[in-house]
Amino acid sequence: MSVYLFMFEFRNYFIIKTKSELLIDNSQSSSSLKINVDLTMHRIPCYILNMDISDFTGAHTSNVKGTLTKTSLDANGNKLSEDKSAVGQKHEDKFTTEDVIKAFNENQGCRLTGSFDVMRLPGNFHVASHTFAPIIRQFRDKGQNIHFNLTHTIHHISFEDEKDITAIREKFNEGIMTPMDGFYLVDDTQGSLLNYYINIIPTEYEDIDGKVYQAFQFTYKQKKVDSGRMIPTIFFRYDISPMKMKYTKYYPGHFDGLINICAIVGGMFTIAGIIDSILLRVFKSQREVKGSV
């Protein structure tokens, strides 16, 4: 048994370990946060779908710019067309009232894919049709009934560089960076306000060679409110922790390994001494019994 412990400790000395620490995040002064999104709205056409952002300072941006792409989908989720200029620009002149009504009648959907930057402050990004509210009012004034359905699939949401996230997954087995991936929700209630509350934790990963990767872990909760809004909305409300998690890979130190090995060797001698003492007493008692006979 002692030999096994010795071999185990000797082998353990050459195994890379990971330690975790909770630190104050001194990088909060960073000006921006990158958000990566891949989201499908199954029953709202791309014509009147926009992505907006706002933060706790009151700043609000409609139809955010970035690398976002809109892909029109048919009722079965198949690709109809792709418009890389559709997000981040006003493009009402690219479609007619008839186009929108036809898209709704055909149960067209829209997939939003890409990334954009926000201020590194508590805030939200939301998917809705606020930019096209005047057009929607015109439809309803003319008796055209537009039925909003917020059924959606979150294919992917993450924060910061996707390359770093991929490298972290390959090198580390720590952290929760994409817990929303694959989430599907059915919601056909008119006037719905869907909220996702996201708690973001800045996280740093340091590899054994000293290379550092930056990422953000997060957890979330979902809550629905029947708000009576004319235009239903999905909000992703995020807050950023002032603390930071750090994971560091390392080899056990020479001193620690030496202490553990010495402890094992010392234990071996101690056990051997105890066994020797027990055997000596047994033999001695047996000789005394034989001598009395």
C-alpha atoms as a PDB file:
ATOM      1  CA  MET A   1       0.000   0.000   0.000  1.00  0.00           C
ATOM      2  CA  SER A   2       2.784   2.415   0.934  1.00  0.00           C
ATOM      3  CA  VAL A   3       4.622   1.623  -2.272  1.00  0.00           C
ATOM      4  CA  TYR A   4       1.424   2.391  -4.196  1.00  0.00           C
ATOM      5  CA  LEU A   5       1.074   5.742  -2.414  1.00  0.00           C
ATOM      6  CA  PHE A   6       4.706   6.552  -3.183  1.00  0.00           C
ATOM      7  CA  MET A   7       4.252   5.762  -6.886  1.00  0.00           C
ATOM      8  CA  PHE A   8       0.972   7.700  -7.002  1.00  0.00           C
ATOM      9  CA  GLU A   9       2.546  10.801  -5.465  1.00  0.00           C
ATOM     10  CA  PHE A  10       5.577  10.560  -7.745  1.00  0.00           C
ATOM     11  CA  ARG A  11       3.312  10.293 -10.790  1.00  0.00           C
ATOM     12  CA  ASN A  12       1.060  13.086  -9.509  1.00  0.00           C
ATOM     13  CA  TYR A  13       4.059  15.407  -9.475  1.00  0.00           C
ATOM     14  CA  PHE A  14       4.123  15.381 -13.295  1.00  0.00           C
ATOM     15  CA  ILE A  15       0.348  15.978 -13.777  1.00  0.00           C
ATOM     16  CA  ILE A  16      -0.766  19.518 -14.685  1.00  0.00           C
ATOM     17  CA  LYS A  17      -3.242  20.881 -12.175  1.00  0.00           C
ATOM     18  CA  THR A  18      -5.645  23.835 -12.270  1.00  0.00           C
ATOM     19  CA  LYS A  19      -6.270  26.243  -9.431  1.00  0.00           C
ATOM     20  CA  SER A  20      -9.084  28.798  -9.250  1.00  0.00           C
ATOM     21  CA  GLU A  21      -9.145  32.218  -7.615  1.00  0.00           C
ATOM     22  CA  LEU A  22     -11.768  34.916  -7.097  1.00  0.00           C
ATOM     23  CA  LEU A  23     -10.264  38.380  -7.588  1.00  0.00           C
ATOM     24  CA  ILE A  24     -11.349  41.988  -7.924  1.00  0.00           C
ATOM     25  CA  ASP A  25     -11.663  42.824 -11.609  1.00  0.00           C
ATOM     26  CA  ASN A  26      -9.330  45.728 -12.354  1.00  0.00           C
ATOM     27  CA  SER A  27     -10.180  45.697 -16.057  1.00  0.00           C
ATOM     28  CA  GLN A  28     -13.639  47.209 -15.630  1.00  0.00           C
ATOM     29  CA  SER A  29     -12.325  50.335 -17.335  1.00  0.00           C
ATOM     30  CA  SER A  30     -12.318  48.432 -20.635  1.00  0.00           C
ATOM     31  CA  SER A  31     -14.466  50.452 -23.016  1.00  0.00           C
ATOM     32  CA  SER A  32     -16.421  47.737 -24.781  1.00  0.00           C
ATOM     33  CA  LEU A  33     -17.859  44.248 -24.531  1.00  0.00           C
ATOM     34  CA  LYS A  34     -18.338  42.032 -27.569  1.00  0.00           C
ATOM     35  CA  ILE A  35     -21.605  40.076 -27.767  1.00  0.00           C
ATOM     36  CA  ASN A  36     -21.973  37.114 -30.128  1.00  0.00           C
ATOM     37  CA  VAL A  37     -25.518  36.148 -31.099  1.00  0.00           C
ATOM     38  CA  ASP A  38     -27.190  33.443 -33.166  1.00  0.00           C
ATOM     39  CA  LEU A  39     -30.961  33.649 -32.717  1.00  0.00           C
ATOM     40  CA  THR A  40     -33.961  32.484 -34.750  1.00  0.00           C
ATOM     41  CA  MET A  41     -37.364  34.137 -34.530  1.00  0.00           C
ATOM     42  CA  HIS A  42     -39.546  31.442 -36.051  1.00  0.00           C
ATOM     43  CA  ARG A  43     -42.642  33.552 -36.850  1.00  0.00           C
ATOM     44  CA  ILE A  44     -41.439  37.153 -37.295  1.00  0.00           C
ATOM     45  CA  PRO A  45     -40.144  38.074 -40.778  1.00  0.00           C
ATOM     46  CA  CYS A  46     -36.857  39.888 -41.267  1.00  0.00           C
ATOM     47  CA  TYR A  47     -38.606  42.853 -42.862  1.00  0.00           C
ATOM     48  CA  ILE A  48     -39.676  44.272 -39.499  1.00  0.00           C
ATOM     49  CA  LEU A  49     -37.183  42.752 -37.078  1.00  0.00           C
ATOM     50  CA  ASN A  50     -34.460  44.788 -35.411  1.00  0.00           C
ATOM     51  CA  MET A  51     -31.849  44.470 -32.656  1.00  0.00           C
ATOM     52  CA  ASP A  52     -31.544  47.389 -30.215  1.00  0.00           C
ATOM     53  CA  ILE A  53     -29.169  48.040 -27.316  1.00  0.00           C
ATOM     54  CA  SER A  54     -29.296  50.293 -24.257  1.00  0.00           C
ATOM     55  CA  ASP A  55     -27.379  50.682 -20.997  1.00  0.00           C
ATOM     56  CA  PHE A  56     -28.047  52.038 -17.527  1.00  0.00           C
ATOM     57  CA  THR A  57     -26.796  55.520 -18.515  1.00  0.00           C
ATOM     58  CA  GLY A  58     -29.845  55.860 -20.759  1.00  0.00           C
ATOM     59  CA  ALA A  59     -27.995  55.475 -24.067  1.00  0.00           C
ATOM     60  CA  HIS A  60     -30.142  53.668 -26.630  1.00  0.00           C
ATOM     61  CA  THR A  61     -29.259  52.513 -30.137  1.00  0.00           C
ATOM     62  CA  SER A  62     -31.802  51.118 -32.597  1.00  0.00           C
ATOM     63  CA  ASN A  63     -30.790  48.659 -35.308  1.00  0.00           C
ATOM     64  CA  VAL A  64     -27.314  48.122 -33.901  1.00  0.00           C
ATOM     65  CA  LYS A  65     -24.336  47.990 -36.213  1.00  0.00           C
ATOM     66  CA  GLY A  66     -21.822  45.175 -36.240  1.00  0.00           C
ATOM     67  CA  THR A  67     -21.444  41.982 -38.222  1.00  0.00           C
ATOM     68  CA  LEU A  68     -25.099  41.004 -37.791  1.00  0.00           C
ATOM     69  CA  THR A  69     -26.780  39.260 -40.696  1.00  0.00           C
ATOM     70  CA  LYS A  70     -30.485  38.643 -41.243  1.00  0.00           C
ATOM     71  CA  THR A  71     -31.516  35.418 -42.955  1.00  0.00           C
ATOM     72  CA  SER A  72     -35.149  35.037 -44.032  1.00  0.00           C
ATOM     73  CA  LEU A  73     -36.638  31.597 -43.341  1.00  0.00           C
ATOM     74  CA  ASP A  74     -39.756  29.857 -44.587  1.00  0.00           C
ATOM     75  CA  ALA A  75     -42.308  28.211 -42.285  1.00  0.00           C
ATOM     76  CA  ASN A  76     -40.124  25.077 -42.090  1.00  0.00           C
ATOM     77  CA  GLY A  77     -36.952  26.964 -41.190  1.00  0.00           C
ATOM     78  CA  ASN A  78     -35.365  26.760 -44.641  1.00  0.00           C
ATOM     79  CA  LYS A  79     -33.298  29.695 -45.921  1.00  0.00           C
ATOM     80  CA  LEU A  80     -35.040  32.086 -48.303  1.00  0.00           C
ATOM     81  CA  SER A  81     -32.607  34.987 -48.540  1.00  0.00           C
ATOM     82  CA  GLU A  82     -29.800  36.710 -46.675  1.00  0.00           C
ATOM     83  CA  ASP A  83     -29.319  40.437 -46.190  1.00  0.00           C
ATOM     84  CA  LYS A  84     -26.043  41.569 -44.619  1.00  0.00           C
ATOM     85  CA  SER A  85     -27.049  45.228 -44.897  1.00  0.00           C
ATOM     86  CA  ALA A  86     -30.399  44.713 -43.196  1.00  0.00           C
ATOM     87  CA  VAL A  87     -29.089  45.137 -39.674  1.00  0.00           C
ATOM     88  CA  GLY A  88     -27.679  48.512 -38.738  1.00  0.00           C
ATOM     89  CA  GLN A  89     -29.351  50.436 -41.548  1.00  0.00           C
ATOM     90  CA  LYS A  90     -32.753  51.860 -42.287  1.00  0.00           C
ATOM     91  CA  HIS A  91     -34.117  49.871 -45.168  1.00  0.00           C
ATOM     92  CA  GLU A  92     -37.875  50.569 -45.286  1.00  0.00           C
ATOM     93  CA  ASP A  93     -37.514  51.333 -48.983  1.00  0.00           C
ATOM     94  CA  LYS A  94     -36.421  47.740 -49.629  1.00  0.00           C
ATOM     95  CA  PHE A  95     -39.893  46.286 -49.058  1.00  0.00           C
ATOM     96  CA  THR A  96     -43.548  47.122 -49.492  1.00  0.00           C
ATOM     97  CA  THR A  97     -46.624  46.655 -47.338  1.00  0.00           C
ATOM     98  CA  GLU A  98     -47.560  43.688 -49.477  1.00  0.00           C
ATOM     99  CA  ASP A  99     -44.158  42.072 -48.831  1.00  0.00           C
ATOM    100  CA  VAL A 100     -44.680  42.241 -45.062  1.00  0.00           C
ATOM    101  CA  ILE A 101     -48.270  40.956 -45.151  1.00  0.00           C
ATOM    102  CA  LYS A 102     -47.238  38.109 -47.467  1.00  0.00           C
ATOM    103  CA  ALA A 103     -44.354  37.182 -45.128  1.00  0.00           C
ATOM    104  CA  PHE A 104     -46.664  37.064 -42.116  1.00  0.00           C
ATOM    105  CA  ASN A 105     -49.268  35.004 -43.983  1.00  0.00           C
ATOM    106  CA  GLU A 106     -46.553  32.530 -45.007  1.00  0.00           C
ATOM    107  CA  ASN A 107     -45.303  32.268 -41.380  1.00  0.00           C
ATOM    108  CA  GLN A 108     -41.838  33.404 -42.366  1.00  0.00           C
ATOM    109  CA  GLY A 109     -39.120  33.632 -39.730  1.00  0.00           C
ATOM    110  CA  CYS A 110     -35.749  35.308 -39.373  1.00  0.00           C
ATOM    111  CA  ARG A 111     -32.337  34.265 -38.126  1.00  0.00           C
ATOM    112  CA  LEU A 112     -30.025  36.910 -36.640  1.00  0.00           C
ATOM    113  CA  THR A 113     -26.359  35.938 -36.625  1.00  0.00           C
ATOM    114  CA  GLY A 114     -23.210  37.878 -35.836  1.00  0.00           C
ATOM    115  CA  SER A 115     -21.682  40.114 -33.204  1.00  0.00           C
ATOM    116  CA  PHE A 116     -21.707  43.710 -32.000  1.00  0.00           C
ATOM    117  CA  ASP A 117     -19.977  45.816 -29.356  1.00  0.00           C
ATOM    118  CA  VAL A 118     -21.584  47.500 -26.353  1.00  0.00           C
ATOM    119  CA  MET A 119     -20.247  49.630 -23.524  1.00  0.00           C
ATOM    120  CA  ARG A 120     -18.920  47.489 -20.695  1.00  0.00           C
ATOM    121  CA  LEU A 121     -21.747  48.581 -18.410  1.00  0.00           C
ATOM    122  CA  PRO A 122     -24.966  46.950 -17.176  1.00  0.00           C
ATOM    123  CA  GLY A 123     -27.545  47.140 -19.939  1.00  0.00           C
ATOM    124  CA  ASN A 124     -29.550  45.086 -22.395  1.00  0.00           C
ATOM    125  CA  PHE A 125     -29.958  44.136 -26.010  1.00  0.00           C
ATOM    126  CA  HIS A 126     -33.434  43.359 -27.267  1.00  0.00           C
ATOM    127  CA  VAL A 127     -35.117  41.884 -30.305  1.00  0.00           C
ATOM    128  CA  ALA A 128     -38.301  43.616 -31.445  1.00  0.00           C
ATOM    129  CA  SER A 129     -39.852  45.699 -34.207  1.00  0.00           C
ATOM    130  CA  HIS A 130     -39.710  49.135 -32.574  1.00  0.00           C
ATOM    131  CA  THR A 131     -37.936  50.680 -35.535  1.00  0.00           C
ATOM    132  CA  PHE A 132     -40.872  49.742 -37.735  1.00  0.00           C
ATOM    133  CA  ALA A 133     -43.652  50.837 -35.353  1.00  0.00           C
ATOM    134  CA  PRO A 134     -45.047  53.489 -37.773  1.00  0.00           C
ATOM    135  CA  ILE A 135     -45.326  50.895 -40.540  1.00  0.00           C
ATOM    136  CA  ILE A 136     -47.028  48.421 -38.208  1.00  0.00           C
ATOM    137  CA  ARG A 137     -49.557  51.103 -37.162  1.00  0.00           C
ATOM    138  CA  GLN A 138     -50.342  51.730 -40.821  1.00  0.00           C
ATOM    139  CA  PHE A 139     -51.066  48.029 -41.304  1.00  0.00           C
ATOM    140  CA  ARG A 140     -53.439  47.973 -38.352  1.00  0.00           C
ATOM    141  CA  ASP A 141     -55.111  51.252 -39.390  1.00  0.00           C
ATOM    142  CA  LYS A 142     -55.886  49.591 -42.709  1.00  0.00           C
ATOM    143  CA  GLY A 143     -57.392  46.593 -40.945  1.00  0.00           C
ATOM    144  CA  GLN A 144     -54.424  44.294 -41.564  1.00  0.00           C
ATOM    145  CA  ASN A 145     -54.084  42.048 -38.539  1.00  0.00           C
ATOM    146  CA  ILE A 146     -50.414  41.330 -37.788  1.00  0.00           C
ATOM    147  CA  HIS A 147     -50.024  38.542 -35.263  1.00  0.00           C
ATOM    148  CA  PHE A 148     -46.720  38.626 -33.374  1.00  0.00           C
ATOM    149  CA  ASN A 149     -45.339  35.288 -32.238  1.00  0.00           C
ATOM    150  CA  LEU A 150     -42.192  35.327 -30.076  1.00  0.00           C
ATOM    151  CA  THR A 151     -41.389  31.624 -30.456  1.00  0.00           C
ATOM    152  CA  HIS A 152     -37.614  31.483 -30.789  1.00  0.00           C
ATOM    153  CA  THR A 153     -34.461  29.393 -30.576  1.00  0.00           C
ATOM    154  CA  ILE A 154     -31.237  30.662 -29.046  1.00  0.00           C
ATOM    155  CA  HIS A 155     -28.601  28.810 -31.036  1.00  0.00           C
ATOM    156  CA  HIS A 156     -25.723  30.631 -29.395  1.00  0.00           C
ATOM    157  CA  ILE A 157     -24.927  33.561 -27.114  1.00  0.00           C
ATOM    158  CA  SER A 158     -21.451  34.319 -25.781  1.00  0.00           C
ATOM    159  CA  PHE A 159     -19.305  37.255 -24.784  1.00  0.00           C
ATOM    160  CA  GLU A 160     -15.913  38.353 -26.144  1.00  0.00           C
ATOM    161  CA  ASP A 161     -13.677  36.602 -28.688  1.00  0.00           C
ATOM    162  CA  GLU A 162     -14.982  33.298 -30.043  1.00  0.00           C
ATOM    163  CA  LYS A 163     -11.404  32.176 -30.785  1.00  0.00           C
ATOM    164  CA  ASP A 164     -10.503  32.456 -27.105  1.00  0.00           C
ATOM    165  CA  ILE A 165     -13.656  30.550 -26.138  1.00  0.00           C
ATOM    166  CA  THR A 166     -12.739  27.742 -28.543  1.00  0.00           C
ATOM    167  CA  ALA A 167      -9.165  27.599 -27.186  1.00  0.00           C
ATOM    168  CA  ILE A 168     -10.430  27.533 -23.592  1.00  0.00           C
ATOM    169  CA  ARG A 169     -12.720  24.613 -24.352  1.00  0.00           C
ATOM    170  CA  GLU A 170      -9.820  22.705 -25.862  1.00  0.00           C
ATOM    171  CA  LYS A 171      -7.354  23.402 -23.054  1.00  0.00           C
ATOM    172  CA  PHE A 172      -9.510  23.759 -19.927  1.00  0.00           C
ATOM    173  CA  ASN A 173     -12.472  21.970 -18.425  1.00  0.00           C
ATOM    174  CA  GLU A 174     -13.623  24.895 -16.312  1.00  0.00           C
ATOM    175  CA  GLY A 175     -16.329  27.519 -16.662  1.00  0.00           C
ATOM    176  CA  ILE A 176     -19.856  28.000 -18.036  1.00  0.00           C
ATOM    177  CA  MET A 177     -19.612  30.237 -21.096  1.00  0.00           C
ATOM    178  CA  THR A 178     -22.543  29.194 -23.318  1.00  0.00           C
ATOM    179  CA  PRO A 179     -25.387  27.938 -21.055  1.00  0.00           C
ATOM    180  CA  MET A 180     -28.126  29.348 -23.326  1.00  0.00           C
ATOM    181  CA  ASP A 181     -27.076  27.462 -26.458  1.00  0.00           C
ATOM    182  CA  GLY A 182     -29.934  25.387 -27.879  1.00  0.00           C
ATOM    183  CA  PHE A 183     -32.646  26.970 -25.706  1.00  0.00           C
ATOM    184  CA  TYR A 184     -36.079  26.866 -27.390  1.00  0.00           C
ATOM    185  CA  LEU A 185     -39.192  28.698 -26.204  1.00  0.00           C
ATOM    186  CA  VAL A 186     -42.727  28.732 -27.597  1.00  0.00           C
ATOM    187  CA  ASP A 187     -44.666  31.930 -26.986  1.00  0.00           C
ATOM    188  CA  ASP A 188     -47.722  32.931 -29.031  1.00  0.00           C
ATOM    189  CA  THR A 189     -49.166  35.353 -26.451  1.00  0.00           C
ATOM    190  CA  GLN A 190     -49.849  38.825 -27.801  1.00  0.00           C
ATOM    191  CA  GLY A 191     -48.306  41.611 -25.741  1.00  0.00           C
ATOM    192  CA  SER A 192     -45.627  39.391 -24.201  1.00  0.00           C
ATOM    193  CA  LEU A 193     -42.473  40.810 -22.717  1.00  0.00           C
ATOM    194  CA  LEU A 194     -39.811  38.119 -22.386  1.00  0.00           C
ATOM    195  CA  ASN A 195     -36.848  38.838 -20.134  1.00  0.00           C
ATOM    196  CA  TYR A 196     -33.569  36.964 -19.878  1.00  0.00           C
ATOM    197  CA  TYR A 197     -31.568  38.104 -16.855  1.00  0.00           C
ATOM    198  CA  ILE A 198     -27.884  37.387 -17.468  1.00  0.00           C
ATOM    199  CA  ASN A 199     -25.203  37.569 -14.768  1.00  0.00           C
ATOM    200  CA  ILE A 200     -21.761  37.888 -16.384  1.00  0.00           C
ATOM    201  CA  ILE A 201     -18.520  36.985 -14.588  1.00  0.00           C
ATOM    202  CA  PRO A 202     -15.239  38.098 -16.228  1.00  0.00           C
ATOM    203  CA  THR A 203     -12.907  35.108 -16.363  1.00  0.00           C
ATOM    204  CA  GLU A 204      -9.211  34.742 -17.104  1.00  0.00           C
ATOM    205  CA  TYR A 205      -7.513  31.491 -18.094  1.00  0.00           C
ATOM    206  CA  GLU A 206      -3.741  31.105 -17.897  1.00  0.00           C
ATOM    207  CA  ASP A 207      -2.246  28.089 -19.666  1.00  0.00           C
ATOM    208  CA  ILE A 208       0.817  26.181 -18.484  1.00  0.00           C
ATOM    209  CA  ASP A 209       2.963  28.100 -20.983  1.00  0.00           C
ATOM    210  CA  GLY A 210       1.813  31.452 -19.588  1.00  0.00           C
ATOM    211  CA  LYS A 211      -0.594  32.302 -22.429  1.00  0.00           C
ATOM    212  CA  VAL A 212      -3.660  34.142 -21.115  1.00  0.00           C
ATOM    213  CA  TYR A 213      -7.205  33.917 -22.522  1.00  0.00           C
ATOM    214  CA  GLN A 214     -10.028  36.305 -21.629  1.00  0.00           C
ATOM    215  CA  ALA A 215     -13.650  35.174 -21.541  1.00  0.00           C
ATOM    216  CA  PHE A 216     -16.926  35.676 -19.691  1.00  0.00           C
ATOM    217  CA  GLN A 217     -18.869  33.027 -17.853  1.00  0.00           C
ATOM    218  CA  PHE A 218     -22.542  33.672 -17.256  1.00  0.00           C
ATOM    219  CA  THR A 219     -25.742  32.302 -15.787  1.00  0.00           C
ATOM    220  CA  TYR A 220     -29.281  33.310 -16.684  1.00  0.00           C
ATOM    221  CA  LYS A 221     -32.927  33.244 -15.640  1.00  0.00           C
ATOM    222  CA  GLN A 222     -35.943  33.682 -17.870  1.00  0.00           C
ATOM    223  CA  LYS A 223     -39.169  35.480 -16.946  1.00  0.00           C
ATOM    224  CA  LYS A 224     -42.276  36.314 -18.978  1.00  0.00           C
ATOM    225  CA  VAL A 225     -44.534  39.320 -18.389  1.00  0.00           C
ATOM    226  CA  ASP A 226     -47.873  40.007 -20.111  1.00  0.00           C
ATOM    227  CA  SER A 227     -47.340  43.714 -20.607  1.00  0.00           C
ATOM    228  CA  GLY A 228     -50.029  44.541 -23.148  1.00  0.00           C
ATOM    229  CA  ARG A 229     -47.427  46.012 -25.499  1.00  0.00           C
ATOM    230  CA  MET A 230     -48.480  46.586 -29.073  1.00  0.00           C
ATOM    231  CA  ILE A 231     -45.122  45.181 -30.166  1.00  0.00           C
ATOM    232  CA  PRO A 232     -43.871  42.198 -28.096  1.00  0.00           C
ATOM    233  CA  THR A 233     -40.178  42.239 -27.197  1.00  0.00           C
ATOM    234  CA  ILE A 234     -37.424  39.897 -26.025  1.00  0.00           C
ATOM    235  CA  PHE A 235     -34.966  41.541 -23.632  1.00  0.00           C
ATOM    236  CA  PHE A 236     -31.545  40.160 -22.745  1.00  0.00           C
ATOM    237  CA  ARG A 237     -30.665  42.139 -19.606  1.00  0.00           C
ATOM    238  CA  TYR A 238     -27.070  41.704 -18.486  1.00  0.00           C
ATOM    239  CA  ASP A 239     -25.117  42.741 -15.423  1.00  0.00           C
ATOM    240  CA  ILE A 240     -21.334  42.458 -15.073  1.00  0.00           C
ATOM    241  CA  SER A 241     -19.771  41.291 -11.812  1.00  0.00           C
ATOM    242  CA  PRO A 242     -17.045  43.476 -10.229  1.00  0.00           C
ATOM    243  CA  MET A 243     -15.240  40.238  -9.345  1.00  0.00           C
ATOM    244  CA  LYS A 244     -13.200  38.058 -11.672  1.00  0.00           C
ATOM    245  CA  MET A 245     -12.554  34.320 -11.776  1.00  0.00           C
ATOM    246  CA  LYS A 246      -9.058  33.199 -12.666  1.00  0.00           C
ATOM    247  CA  TYR A 247      -8.031  29.659 -13.607  1.00  0.00           C
ATOM    248  CA  THR A 248      -4.318  28.876 -13.721  1.00  0.00           C
ATOM    249  CA  LYS A 249      -2.644  25.668 -14.875  1.00  0.00           C
ATOM    250  CA  TYR A 250       0.501  24.665 -12.996  1.00  0.00           C
ATOM    251  CA  TYR A 251       2.821  21.825 -12.054  1.00  0.00           C
ATOM    252  CA  PRO A 252       3.031  20.970  -8.325  1.00  0.00           C
ATOM    253  CA  GLY A 253       6.029  22.688  -6.725  1.00  0.00           C
ATOM    254  CA  HIS A 254       9.290  20.828  -5.925  1.00  0.00           C
ATOM    255  CA  PHE A 255       8.951  21.593  -2.238  1.00  0.00           C
ATOM    256  CA  ASP A 256       5.362  20.354  -1.966  1.00  0.00           C
ATOM    257  CA  GLY A 257       6.196  17.152  -3.810  1.00  0.00           C
ATOM    258  CA  LEU A 258       9.245  16.542  -1.609  1.00  0.00           C
ATOM    259  CA  ILE A 259       7.193  17.046   1.573  1.00  0.00           C
ATOM    260  CA  ASN A 260       4.506  14.610   0.408  1.00  0.00           C
ATOM    261  CA  ILE A 261       7.070  11.969  -0.561  1.00  0.00           C
ATOM    262  CA  CYS A 262       8.862  12.394   2.789  1.00  0.00           C
ATOM    263  CA  ALA A 263       5.539  12.072   4.570  1.00  0.00           C
ATOM    264  CA  ILE A 264       4.856   8.809   2.732  1.00  0.00           C
ATOM    265  CA  VAL A 265       8.353   7.427   3.484  1.00  0.00           C
ATOM    266  CA  GLY A 266       8.028   8.490   7.128  1.00  0.00           C
ATOM    267  CA  GLY A 267       4.633   6.830   7.289  1.00  0.00           C
ATOM    268  CA  MET A 268       6.120   3.637   5.875  1.00  0.00           C
ATOM    269  CA  PHE A 269       8.810   3.563   8.612  1.00  0.00           C
ATOM    270  CA  THR A 270       6.230   4.374  11.297  1.00  0.00           C
ATOM    271  CA  ILE A 271       3.953   1.543  10.189  1.00  0.00           C
ATOM    272  CA  ALA A 272       6.928  -0.829   9.965  1.00  0.00           C
ATOM    273  CA  GLY A 273       7.903   0.146  13.522  1.00  0.00           C
ATOM    274  CA  ILE A 274       4.389  -0.485  14.817  1.00  0.00           C
ATOM    275  CA  ILE A 275       4.242  -3.889  13.117  1.00  0.00           C
ATOM    276  CA  ASP A 276       7.702  -4.777  14.457  1.00  0.00           C
ATOM    277  CA  SER A 277       6.646  -3.794  17.993  1.00  0.00           C
ATOM    278  CA  ILE A 278       3.476  -5.881  17.786  1.00  0.00           C
ATOM    279  CA  LEU A 279       5.328  -8.930  16.467  1.00  0.00           C
ATOM    280  CA  LEU A 280       8.010  -8.558  19.166  1.00  0.00           C
ATOM    281  CA  ARG A 281       5.370  -8.549  21.916  1.00  0.00           C
ATOM    282  CA  VAL A 282       3.621 -11.562  20.421  1.00  0.00           C
ATOM    283  CA  PHE A 283       6.873 -13.601  20.213  1.00  0.00           C
ATOM    284  CA  LYS A 284       7.865 -12.520  23.714  1.00  0.00           C
ATOM    285  CA  SER A 285       4.523 -13.560  25.183  1.00  0.00           C
ATOM    286  CA  GLN A 286       4.730 -16.927  23.420  1.00  0.00           C
ATOM    287  CA  ARG A 287       8.239 -17.579  24.910  1.00  0.00           C
ATOM    288  CA  GLU A 288       6.991 -16.690  28.346  1.00  0.00           C
ATOM    289  CA  VAL A 289       4.105 -19.128  28.030  1.00  0.00           C
ATOM    290  CA  LYS A 290       6.427 -21.933  26.896  1.00  0.00           C
ATOM    291  CA  GLY A 291       8.894 -21.186  29.725  1.00  0.00           C
ATOM    292  CA  SER A 292       6.172 -21.447  32.386  1.00  0.00           C
ATOM    293  CA  VAL A 293       5.185 -24.863  31.053  1.00  0.00           C
END
